[in-house]
Amino acid sequence: MDTAPESICCREVNLEHLLIGEKCITMHRSFRMLCGERDVLEVAMLSLRDVRAETLERPISSRLFRLTAYRQFTLWARGHLGRRNRIPIPSCAVNYIRDLFPSTEYQGFEYALDL
């Protein structure tokens, strides 16, 4: 990962409640289902779009799948953080998601700016 906040291991960031019996969060059955299954991610997209009264354009881009997988991970691992509250995702999870939904360039983690 490009920055220090992005270069974290899942074992370094208080995810013990999810790591029981697993060496890495990416091996957890729920992680793979919630963050790696296209159908699950699509339902999450539809749910968010419904709340925002938006339509889901097709075909769905890898970028949207990737961003939804990041959101799913945060919701599953940390719960709802609230608008503009962001925390870095462990690099192992980011790399797993990027491998599934690749791009030629990535934005990387950024803290929300105060407006």
Protein backbone atom coordinates (compact mmCIF):
# COMPACT_ATOMS: atom_id res chain seq x y z
CA MET A 1 0.00 0.00 0.00
CA ASP A 2 1.11 3.54 -0.72
CA THR A 3 0.66 5.20 2.68
CA ALA A 4 1.19 4.25 6.34
CA PRO A 5 -2.56 4.18 7.19
CA GLU A 6 -3.09 1.74 4.30
CA SER A 7 -0.18 -0.52 5.30
CA ILE A 8 -1.88 -2.30 8.17
CA CYS A 9 -2.43 -5.97 8.83
CA CYS A 10 -5.79 -7.28 9.98
CA ARG A 11 -4.03 -8.63 13.08
CA GLU A 12 -2.94 -5.10 14.07
CA VAL A 13 -6.34 -3.39 14.13
CA ASN A 14 -8.68 -4.79 16.77
CA LEU A 15 -10.47 -7.38 14.65
CA GLU A 16 -9.93 -10.26 17.07
CA HIS A 17 -13.69 -10.83 17.27
CA LEU A 18 -13.59 -11.81 13.58
CA LEU A 19 -10.22 -13.57 13.47
CA ILE A 20 -11.13 -16.47 15.75
CA GLY A 21 -9.70 -19.56 14.08
CA GLU A 22 -8.35 -17.63 11.07
CA LYS A 23 -4.85 -16.36 10.33
CA CYS A 24 -6.14 -13.60 8.05
CA ILE A 25 -9.48 -11.84 7.70
CA THR A 26 -9.54 -12.73 3.99
CA MET A 27 -9.86 -16.41 4.93
CA HIS A 28 -13.04 -15.80 6.91
CA ARG A 29 -16.10 -17.29 5.22
CA SER A 30 -18.21 -14.19 5.90
CA PHE A 31 -15.56 -11.87 4.45
CA ARG A 32 -15.47 -13.84 1.21
CA MET A 33 -19.26 -13.89 0.97
CA LEU A 34 -19.91 -10.24 1.92
CA CYS A 35 -16.96 -8.68 0.08
CA GLY A 36 -16.29 -11.08 -2.77
CA GLU A 37 -19.60 -12.40 -4.05
CA ARG A 38 -20.96 -10.32 -6.92
CA ASP A 39 -24.59 -11.15 -6.10
CA VAL A 40 -24.19 -10.05 -2.49
CA LEU A 41 -22.44 -6.85 -3.55
CA GLU A 42 -25.13 -6.12 -6.11
CA VAL A 43 -27.86 -6.43 -3.47
CA ALA A 44 -25.86 -4.05 -1.24
CA MET A 45 -25.63 -1.60 -4.16
CA LEU A 46 -29.36 -1.85 -4.83
CA SER A 47 -30.11 -1.31 -1.17
CA LEU A 48 -27.99 1.83 -1.00
CA ARG A 49 -29.36 3.15 -4.27
CA ASP A 50 -32.91 2.54 -3.04
CA VAL A 51 -32.25 4.61 0.09
CA ARG A 52 -30.83 7.39 -2.08
CA ALA A 53 -33.62 7.05 -4.68
CA GLU A 54 -31.05 6.37 -7.40
CA THR A 55 -31.01 3.73 -10.12
CA LEU A 56 -28.19 1.24 -10.60
CA GLU A 57 -26.66 1.59 -14.03
CA ARG A 58 -25.56 -1.54 -15.85
CA PRO A 59 -23.15 -2.96 -16.60
CA ILE A 60 -21.77 -2.47 -13.11
CA SER A 61 -18.16 -1.31 -13.16
CA SER A 62 -15.32 -2.99 -11.29
CA ARG A 63 -14.84 0.31 -9.47
CA LEU A 64 -18.39 0.23 -8.08
CA PHE A 65 -18.01 -3.42 -7.05
CA ARG A 66 -14.72 -2.53 -5.35
CA LEU A 67 -16.13 0.49 -3.48
CA THR A 68 -19.15 -1.53 -2.38
CA ALA A 69 -16.89 -4.34 -1.14
CA TYR A 70 -14.91 -1.80 0.93
CA ARG A 71 -18.16 -0.47 2.39
CA GLN A 72 -19.38 -4.01 3.12
CA PHE A 73 -16.11 -4.82 4.90
CA THR A 74 -16.33 -1.74 7.10
CA LEU A 75 -19.97 -2.38 7.96
CA TRP A 76 -19.27 -6.03 8.80
CA ALA A 77 -16.03 -5.46 10.72
CA ARG A 78 -16.72 -2.13 12.42
CA GLY A 79 -20.43 -1.42 12.13
CA HIS A 80 -21.93 1.76 10.78
CA LEU A 81 -19.42 4.59 11.20
CA GLY A 82 -21.64 7.45 10.09
CA ARG A 83 -21.35 9.89 7.25
CA ARG A 84 -17.82 11.01 6.39
CA ASN A 85 -16.27 8.87 9.15
CA ARG A 86 -13.58 6.78 7.54
CA ILE A 87 -11.00 4.33 8.80
CA PRO A 88 -8.39 2.42 6.78
CA ILE A 89 -9.15 -1.13 5.73
CA PRO A 90 -6.41 -3.73 6.33
CA SER A 91 -4.14 -4.11 3.32
CA CYS A 92 -4.87 -7.83 3.02
CA ALA A 93 -8.58 -7.06 2.55
CA VAL A 94 -7.86 -4.25 0.09
CA ASN A 95 -5.55 -6.48 -1.96
CA TYR A 96 -8.10 -9.32 -2.00
CA ILE A 97 -10.84 -6.96 -3.19
CA ARG A 98 -8.55 -5.32 -5.78
CA ASP A 99 -7.63 -8.75 -7.16
CA LEU A 100 -11.33 -9.55 -7.63
CA PHE A 101 -12.26 -6.16 -9.10
CA PRO A 102 -9.12 -4.81 -10.79
CA SER A 103 -8.41 -1.40 -12.23
CA THR A 104 -5.48 0.29 -13.93
CA GLU A 105 -5.33 2.90 -11.18
CA TYR A 106 -6.50 3.18 -7.59
CA GLN A 107 -7.22 6.21 -5.44
CA GLY A 108 -6.10 4.84 -2.08
CA PHE A 109 -7.34 5.74 1.37
CA GLU A 110 -8.08 9.35 2.25
CA TYR A 111 -9.52 10.73 5.45
CA ALA A 112 -12.70 12.78 4.92
CA LEU A 113 -12.11 16.50 4.72
CA ASP A 114 -13.96 18.73 7.14
CA LEU A 115 -16.42 20.92 5.28
